Protein backbone atom coordinates (compact mmCIF):
# COMPACT_ATOMS: atom_id res chain seq x y z
CA MET A 1 196.53 183.21 142.21
CA SER A 2 194.63 181.86 144.79
CA THR A 3 191.35 183.55 143.89
CA PHE A 4 191.46 182.68 140.49
CA PHE A 5 191.82 179.19 141.08
CA TYR A 6 189.13 179.26 144.27
CA GLN A 7 186.76 180.82 141.74
CA PHE A 8 187.10 178.56 138.61
CA ASN A 9 186.82 176.18 141.35
CA ILE A 10 183.51 177.15 142.07
CA VAL A 11 182.23 177.35 138.46
CA ILE A 12 183.09 173.50 138.12
CA ILE A 13 181.42 173.14 140.85
CA LEU A 14 178.30 174.80 139.50
CA LEU A 15 178.68 172.94 135.76
CA PHE A 16 178.81 169.60 137.69
CA CYS A 17 175.61 169.99 139.54
CA MET A 18 173.87 171.16 136.81
CA LEU A 19 175.25 168.10 134.83
CA CYS A 20 173.71 165.71 137.29
CA LYS A 21 170.32 167.24 137.28
CA TYR A 22 170.08 166.99 133.77
CA SER A 23 171.64 163.48 133.48
CA MET A 24 169.31 162.58 136.61
CA GLY A 25 166.11 163.83 134.63
CA GLN A 26 163.83 167.07 135.58
CA GLU A 27 161.40 166.51 138.26
CA ILE A 28 158.21 165.86 136.80
CA ASN A 29 154.63 167.12 138.17
CA SER A 30 151.65 165.26 136.66
CA ARG A 31 148.18 165.16 137.96
CA LEU A 32 145.02 162.62 137.46
CA LEU A 33 141.76 164.64 137.70
CA VAL A 34 139.14 162.31 138.70
CA ALA A 35 135.50 163.42 139.32
CA GLU A 36 133.81 161.52 142.59
CA TYR A 37 130.03 161.56 144.11
CA ARG A 38 129.56 163.05 147.35
CA ILE A 39 127.94 160.42 149.43
CA ASP A 40 126.85 162.40 152.33
CA THR A 41 124.35 163.99 150.47
CA PRO A 42 120.64 163.41 150.71
CA ARG A 43 120.16 163.38 146.64
CA VAL A 44 122.75 160.42 145.81
CA GLY A 45 124.44 161.55 142.79
CA SER A 46 123.92 164.79 142.57
CA TYR A 47 127.06 166.53 143.70
CA SER A 48 130.32 165.86 143.04
CA TYR A 49 133.82 166.72 143.71
CA LEU A 50 136.64 167.24 140.94
CA VAL A 51 140.03 166.22 142.72
CA SER A 52 143.43 165.52 141.40
CA TYR A 53 145.70 162.70 142.41
CA ASN A 54 149.32 164.02 142.68
CA PHE A 55 152.44 162.82 141.17
CA LYS A 56 155.71 163.60 141.33
CA ASN A 57 158.35 161.78 139.30
CA GLY A 58 155.91 158.78 138.75
CA ILE A 59 155.60 158.56 142.72
CA PHE A 60 152.18 159.56 144.62
CA VAL A 61 152.44 162.24 147.15
CA SER A 62 149.00 163.90 147.38
CA LYS A 63 145.43 164.09 146.75
CA ASP A 64 143.25 167.13 146.39
CA THR A 65 139.96 169.00 145.94
CA ILE A 66 139.65 171.11 143.08
CA ILE A 67 136.22 172.30 143.00
CA GLY A 68 132.61 170.85 144.53
CA THR A 69 129.82 171.11 141.61
CA GLY A 70 126.11 170.15 141.69
CA LYS A 71 122.56 171.61 142.03
CA GLU A 72 122.75 172.16 145.98
CA LYS A 73 125.28 171.95 148.88
CA ASP A 74 124.29 172.47 152.15
CA GLY A 75 121.65 174.66 150.49
CA ALA A 76 123.52 176.61 148.35
CA HIS A 77 123.33 176.44 144.89
CA THR A 78 126.22 175.09 142.70
CA PRO A 79 126.85 175.28 139.09
CA GLN A 80 125.63 171.55 137.93
CA VAL A 81 128.85 170.09 135.79
CA THR A 82 128.17 166.83 133.78
CA TYR A 83 130.84 165.05 134.27
CA GLY A 84 131.63 161.60 131.88
CA ARG A 85 134.21 159.60 129.80
CA GLY A 86 135.20 161.69 126.80
CA ARG A 87 132.73 164.41 127.41
CA GLY A 88 135.24 166.91 128.48
CA LYS A 89 138.19 168.29 127.26
CA ILE A 90 141.35 169.43 129.34
CA TYR A 91 142.78 172.54 127.70
CA LYS A 92 146.28 174.12 127.90
CA ASP A 93 146.73 172.07 130.80
CA ARG A 94 144.81 174.20 132.78
CA TYR A 95 141.40 174.51 131.48
CA TYR A 96 138.85 171.80 131.79
CA ILE A 97 135.70 172.23 129.42
CA PRO A 98 132.79 169.79 130.41
CA GLY A 99 130.84 170.23 127.41
CA MET A 100 127.66 172.27 128.49
CA GLY A 101 128.70 175.70 128.76
CA ASN A 102 131.25 175.42 131.77
CA VAL A 103 134.95 176.43 131.85
CA ILE A 104 136.59 175.66 135.07
CA ASP A 105 140.24 177.21 135.49
CA LEU A 106 141.99 174.51 137.32
CA GLN A 107 144.85 176.55 138.56
CA THR A 108 142.43 179.13 140.41
CA LYS A 109 139.71 176.51 141.12
CA GLN A 110 137.03 178.84 139.71
CA PHE A 111 134.35 178.94 136.67
CA ILE A 112 135.17 181.29 134.17
CA ARG A 113 131.82 179.89 132.63
CA THR A 114 128.85 178.34 134.48
CA SER A 115 126.52 176.51 132.53
CA ASN A 116 123.53 177.50 130.40
CA GLY A 117 123.41 174.59 127.77
CA ASP A 118 125.61 175.78 125.28
CA SER A 119 127.43 172.99 123.63
CA PHE A 120 131.23 173.25 123.22
CA LYS A 121 132.67 173.06 120.00
CA GLU A 122 136.65 173.58 119.76
CA THR A 123 139.37 175.68 121.14
CA ARG A 124 141.46 178.14 119.10
CA GLY A 125 144.22 179.63 120.78
CA ASP A 126 142.73 181.65 123.83
CA THR A 127 139.09 181.40 122.67
CA ILE A 128 136.90 178.69 123.12
CA ILE A 129 133.82 178.23 120.37
CA PHE A 130 130.30 176.96 121.57
CA TYR A 131 127.04 176.75 120.16
CA ARG A 132 123.50 177.52 121.36
CA ASN A 133 120.11 176.44 119.94
CA LYS A 134 117.67 178.41 121.48
CA ILE A 135 114.97 180.22 120.56
CA ARG A 136 114.72 182.84 123.21
CA THR A 137 118.22 183.67 123.26
CA GLY A 138 118.79 183.26 119.84
CA LYS A 139 120.84 180.64 117.72
CA GLY A 140 124.39 180.30 116.73
CA TYR A 141 128.27 180.25 117.94
CA LEU A 142 129.65 181.97 120.42
CA ALA A 143 133.06 182.83 121.78
CA LEU A 144 134.52 182.70 125.50
CA ASN A 145 137.87 184.71 125.65
CA LEU A 146 139.71 182.90 128.30
CA LYS A 147 142.02 185.90 129.07
CA SER A 148 139.09 188.43 129.77
CA GLY A 149 136.08 186.32 130.24
CA TYR A 150 134.36 187.87 127.47
CA TYR A 151 131.28 185.60 125.96
CA ASP A 152 129.07 186.53 123.48
CA PHE A 153 127.73 185.48 119.73
CA ILE A 154 130.37 185.56 117.00
CA ARG A 155 128.93 188.55 114.55
CA GLU A 156 131.66 188.37 111.82
CA ASN A 157 132.25 185.23 110.51
CA ASN A 158 135.49 186.36 108.52
CA TRP A 159 137.64 184.89 111.59
CA TYR A 160 135.52 181.81 112.43
CA ARG A 161 133.93 178.98 110.27
CA PRO A 162 132.57 176.19 111.93
CA LYS A 163 134.14 172.68 110.86
CA TYR A 164 131.49 170.05 110.46
CA GLY A 165 132.38 166.09 111.11
CA THR A 166 132.72 165.22 107.83
CA SER A 167 135.31 168.56 106.90
CA SER A 168 138.40 168.17 105.05
CA PRO A 169 141.61 168.68 107.05
CA ASP A 170 142.09 172.37 105.81
CA ASN A 171 138.25 173.18 106.45
CA LYS A 172 137.67 174.14 102.55
CA TYR A 173 135.12 171.24 101.84
CA TYR A 174 132.58 168.85 103.77
CA LEU A 175 131.49 164.92 102.61
CA THR A 176 127.31 164.82 102.65
CA ILE A 177 125.84 161.41 101.90
CA SER A 178 122.26 161.79 99.91
CA LYS A 179 119.89 159.21 101.00
CA SER A 180 116.59 160.93 99.35
CA GLN A 181 116.37 157.68 97.51
CA LEU A 182 118.24 154.95 96.28
CA PRO A 183 121.54 154.51 95.49
CA TYR A 184 122.84 156.64 98.28
CA LYS A 185 125.59 159.27 97.19
CA VAL A 186 128.59 160.93 98.33
CA CYS A 187 128.48 164.99 97.93
CA LEU A 188 131.04 167.51 98.01
CA SER A 189 130.09 170.95 99.34
CA ASP A 190 131.84 174.23 100.46
CA TYR A 191 131.38 176.96 102.34
CA GLU A 192 130.02 179.23 99.84
CA GLY A 193 126.92 177.11 99.18
CA ASN A 194 128.37 174.75 95.96
CA SER A 195 127.85 171.08 96.05
CA ARG A 196 128.35 168.59 93.79
CA VAL A 197 127.90 164.85 93.31
CA LEU A 198 131.02 162.76 93.53
CA VAL A 199 129.90 159.17 93.56
CA GLU A 200 126.32 158.25 92.37
CA ASP A 201 126.20 154.88 93.05
CA ALA A 202 127.26 154.41 96.94
CA LYS A 203 124.87 151.13 97.30
CA SER A 204 122.37 151.63 100.56
CA GLY A 205 124.95 150.90 103.61
CA PRO A 206 125.03 147.78 105.36
CA MET A 207 122.15 145.28 106.26
CA MET A 208 122.04 144.88 109.91
CA ILE A 209 120.45 142.95 112.55
CA SER A 210 119.33 145.81 114.57
CA ASP A 211 117.13 148.55 113.46
CA SER A 212 118.51 150.98 116.04
CA GLN A 213 120.36 152.87 113.47
CA PHE A 214 119.94 153.91 109.35
CA PRO A 215 122.38 152.34 107.07
CA HIS A 216 124.98 154.79 106.06
CA VAL A 217 128.43 155.05 104.00
CA GLU A 218 131.57 155.84 105.93
CA THR A 219 133.59 158.32 105.16
CA VAL A 220 137.07 159.72 106.64
CA TRP A 221 139.64 162.39 104.81
CA LEU A 222 143.19 160.88 103.96
CA ASN A 223 144.63 164.31 103.27
CA ASN A 224 142.89 167.89 101.58
CA ARG A 225 142.36 166.23 98.06
CA SER A 226 141.22 162.47 99.03
CA PHE A 227 139.09 160.56 101.02
CA LEU A 228 137.91 156.66 101.62
CA TYR A 229 134.21 155.79 101.22
CA VAL A 230 133.24 152.63 101.88
CA ILE A 231 130.70 150.46 99.72
CA HIS A 232 128.75 147.69 101.09
CA HIS A 233 127.64 144.57 98.70
CA ARG A 234 124.79 142.79 100.26
CA LYS A 235 125.57 139.03 99.36
CA LYS A 236 124.31 135.72 100.22
CA SER A 237 125.74 132.20 100.86
CA LYS A 238 124.63 129.11 99.59
CA GLU A 239 123.01 128.29 102.94
CA ASN A 240 121.36 131.73 102.38
CA VAL A 241 122.97 133.39 105.24
CA GLY A 242 123.69 137.21 104.47
CA TYR A 243 127.29 138.76 104.65
CA HIS A 244 128.97 141.73 102.91
CA GLN A 245 131.68 142.40 100.38
CA VAL A 246 132.75 145.51 101.99
CA ASP A 247 135.16 147.77 99.46
CA LEU A 248 136.98 150.78 100.76
CA ARG A 249 137.19 153.55 97.85
CA LYS A 250 139.72 156.32 97.25
CA TYR A 251 138.42 159.61 95.69
CA ASP A 252 140.98 161.85 94.59
CA ILE A 253 138.62 165.40 94.14
CA LEU A 254 141.39 167.38 92.36
CA ASN A 255 141.72 164.57 89.60
CA ASN A 256 138.19 163.34 89.50
CA THR A 257 139.39 159.36 90.47
CA ASP A 258 137.83 157.01 92.15
CA THR A 259 140.02 153.81 93.05
CA LEU A 260 139.57 150.78 94.96
CA PHE A 261 141.67 151.04 98.10
CA PHE A 262 141.38 147.28 99.59
CA SER A 263 138.24 144.89 99.55
CA ILE A 264 136.89 142.82 102.12
CA ASP A 265 135.69 139.68 100.87
CA SER A 266 133.53 138.39 103.50
CA ALA A 267 132.19 140.14 106.30
CA LYS A 268 129.44 139.24 108.84
CA VAL A 269 125.82 141.32 109.21
CA GLY A 270 126.49 143.23 112.35
CA LEU A 271 124.34 145.14 115.00
CA LEU A 272 125.58 149.00 113.80
CA ASN A 273 127.07 150.70 111.09
CA GLY A 274 130.86 151.29 110.70
CA TYR A 275 132.94 154.00 111.15
CA PHE A 276 136.56 155.46 110.75
CA TYR A 277 138.48 156.83 113.80
CA ARG A 278 142.27 157.45 115.03
CA ASN A 279 143.80 156.34 117.60
CA GLY A 280 146.14 157.64 120.27
CA ILE A 281 148.99 158.54 117.85
CA ASN A 282 146.85 159.26 114.65
CA GLN A 283 146.40 156.49 112.68
CA ILE A 284 143.16 155.97 110.85
CA ILE A 285 141.13 152.86 112.07
CA TYR A 286 138.03 151.30 110.44
CA LYS A 287 135.71 149.61 112.88
CA SER A 288 133.21 147.79 110.43
CA SER A 289 129.96 146.82 110.78
CA SER A 290 130.86 143.27 112.09
CA ASP A 291 132.93 145.05 114.75
CA THR A 292 136.43 144.09 113.35
CA HIS A 293 139.06 146.56 113.69
CA TYR A 294 141.41 147.34 111.26
CA LEU A 295 144.30 149.82 110.88
CA VAL A 296 144.11 151.38 107.52
CA ASP A 297 147.49 151.15 106.17
CA THR A 298 147.56 154.26 103.79
CA VAL A 299 151.07 153.51 102.50
CA GLY A 300 150.52 150.33 101.40
CA GLN A 301 147.01 150.36 100.67
CA GLN A 302 145.45 148.00 102.37
CA LEU A 303 144.03 147.03 105.57
CA LEU A 304 146.28 145.45 108.48
CA PRO A 305 145.01 143.27 111.56
CA TYR A 306 144.63 145.70 115.03
CA PRO A 307 144.26 143.55 117.99
CA ALA A 308 145.40 146.29 120.64
CA PHE A 309 144.57 149.84 120.60
CA ILE A 310 147.41 152.05 120.40
CA LEU A 311 146.37 154.75 122.88
CA SER A 312 149.91 156.56 122.61
CA ASP A 313 153.67 156.23 122.06
CA GLU A 314 154.03 154.04 125.33
CA PHE A 315 150.74 152.36 125.71
CA SER A 316 147.96 150.24 124.16
CA TYR A 317 145.67 147.54 125.21
CA SER A 318 142.67 145.17 124.46
CA LYS A 319 139.64 144.49 125.36
CA PRO A 320 138.41 140.86 126.22
CA THR A 321 137.11 138.90 123.58
CA GLN A 322 134.39 136.54 123.42
CA ASN A 323 136.33 133.86 124.45
CA THR A 324 138.47 135.83 126.97
CA LYS A 325 135.47 138.16 128.59
CA LYS A 326 136.37 136.97 131.96
CA GLU A 327 140.01 137.58 131.68
CA GLY A 328 139.97 141.62 131.52
CA SER A 329 141.77 143.90 129.46
CA SER A 330 145.30 143.55 128.68
CA ILE A 331 147.36 146.44 128.97
CA TYR A 332 150.67 147.16 127.77
CA ARG A 333 153.80 149.57 127.91
CA LYS A 334 155.73 149.57 124.64
CA GLY A 335 154.77 146.31 123.60
CA ILE A 336 154.96 144.52 127.09
CA LYS A 337 152.11 143.47 129.37
CA ILE A 338 151.92 145.46 132.34
CA GLY A 339 148.49 144.29 133.33
CA GLU A 340 144.91 142.37 133.33
CA ILE A 341 142.49 144.06 134.63
CA TRP A 342 138.75 144.01 134.68
CA CYS A 343 138.16 148.09 133.37
CA LEU A 344 136.80 150.80 131.22
CA PRO A 345 139.60 151.63 128.62
CA PRO A 346 142.34 153.02 130.12
CA VAL A 347 143.75 156.54 130.18
CA PRO A 348 147.26 157.11 129.49
CA SER A 349 149.69 159.78 130.18
CA HIS A 350 154.10 160.44 129.94
CA HIS A 351 155.35 157.23 131.61
CA ALA A 352 151.48 156.78 133.56
CA ILE A 353 148.33 154.78 132.97
CA ALA A 354 145.16 155.18 134.64
CA VAL A 355 141.88 153.17 134.82
CA GLU A 356 138.38 152.71 136.24
CA TYR A 357 138.17 149.14 137.30
CA GLY A 358 135.56 146.34 138.77
CA ASP A 359 135.92 142.91 140.54
CA LEU A 360 136.26 140.59 137.35
CA GLY A 361 133.11 140.63 135.57
CA SER A 362 131.24 143.18 137.86
CA ASN A 363 128.83 146.37 136.32
CA LEU A 364 131.79 148.53 135.11
CA GLY A 365 128.82 151.54 134.76
CA TYR A 366 129.98 151.44 138.80
CA PRO A 367 133.36 150.99 138.95
CA LYS A 368 134.93 149.93 142.49
CA GLY A 369 137.55 152.79 142.32
CA ILE A 370 140.90 153.77 140.13
CA LYS A 371 144.26 151.81 139.45
CA ILE A 372 147.25 153.99 138.19
CA TRP A 373 150.39 152.48 137.01
CA THR A 374 154.01 154.46 136.84
CA THR A 375 157.14 153.61 135.26
CA ALA A 376 159.11 154.96 138.25
CA LYS A 377 156.87 152.54 140.35
CA ASN A 378 156.84 149.90 137.66
CA ASP A 379 153.56 148.61 139.72
CA TRP A 380 149.47 149.45 139.87
CA ILE A 381 148.55 151.41 143.27
CA THR A 382 144.63 150.97 143.85
CA PHE A 383 142.17 153.69 145.37
CA ASP A 384 138.98 152.37 146.12
CA ILE A 385 136.58 154.93 146.03
CA PRO A 386 132.85 154.72 147.71
CA TRP A 387 131.31 155.97 144.46
CA ILE A 388 133.41 156.79 141.39
CA ASN A 389 131.93 159.40 138.65
CA CYS A 390 134.76 159.14 136.23
CA ILE A 391 138.15 159.90 135.70
CA VAL A 392 138.48 163.22 133.89
CA GLY A 393 141.86 163.15 132.71
CA TRP A 394 145.51 164.12 133.13
CA ILE A 395 147.67 167.18 133.83
CA VAL A 396 151.36 167.28 132.67
CA ASP A 397 153.73 170.25 133.12
CA GLU A 398 154.67 170.25 129.60
CA SER A 399 157.38 172.59 129.94
CA LEU A 400 159.54 169.64 131.63
CA THR A 401 160.84 166.68 129.35
CA PRO A 402 160.41 163.42 131.16
CA PRO A 403 164.15 161.30 131.65
């Protein structure tokens, strides 16, 4: 009987320990990847280290060097990597793809593929797609197998079809703008070579006070059957000042219906074309040519003010305006302001966010270092770096759920 009670008590203790473990939250390990220039080289800026700032449950514990990259190191040639904000992609929390043919295995700290100028296009499972445009070696799409390291041209296109920037979500169709004559036309094409004009009169795009871009017609797919496109009506005020009436129209390719989605009555003439993009939670944002950002409300069929850019479910930030440009960017967690920093756009993770920062009003092309905020610390920690290249991104063990 005593043996039974002894075993019973052991079971209760084990269950209690497991309950405590899950109630307190599992251990979360995360790493912030940063590219930092080597400063002791004669050729300043020609060599970078990819490093990681390591956190355990939101608390900084160490800093590691993953790999060194550049043209030369102590006379030995090393792969050249062009780091830069937004240029690369962290894939599966293991691989870093800088964008020009390189692939770094962050786990083994080695190159799977070194640069030859091929342009990164997309990832598919254990395959990375690149594109080559060279007369000597040929043009076309290439596939890198992450498991075997095999890399070659894609000979059969039955398993891969390139996705254009204007492709529908299911990649069956894509949009083009015909500018051969005025007015511009919106055309629908498929991958079998069929094409038809959907919109005969898309006007001529916005008038701009800069000639650095050719006027364009902005488009974005809402789903597999409908998309928005933008019509700019060029107008003059009584004072002979140019402005736009901007119509966002919705086209349904199945029913061939073209309806008004929303109209901006008066928009200032801007420097560049407007465009659509998606924020950190996949909402569609419209940036007008007058540099105003709107949230596209597809349910209410309207444009809403978008004062703070949503980075993730937790974090958002707003840039300084003309009136507050000496105050830095405001950074928020769940709507509560956690900082006002002169910085580049923040890089969020689970319960953490990082920025490249500088002194107020300084040139952020040369940041002073990085600042990192975590919910565990509920404060910013600062790392001043002699010469920072850029923040690459976060790696989090996705198998563990944040507490």
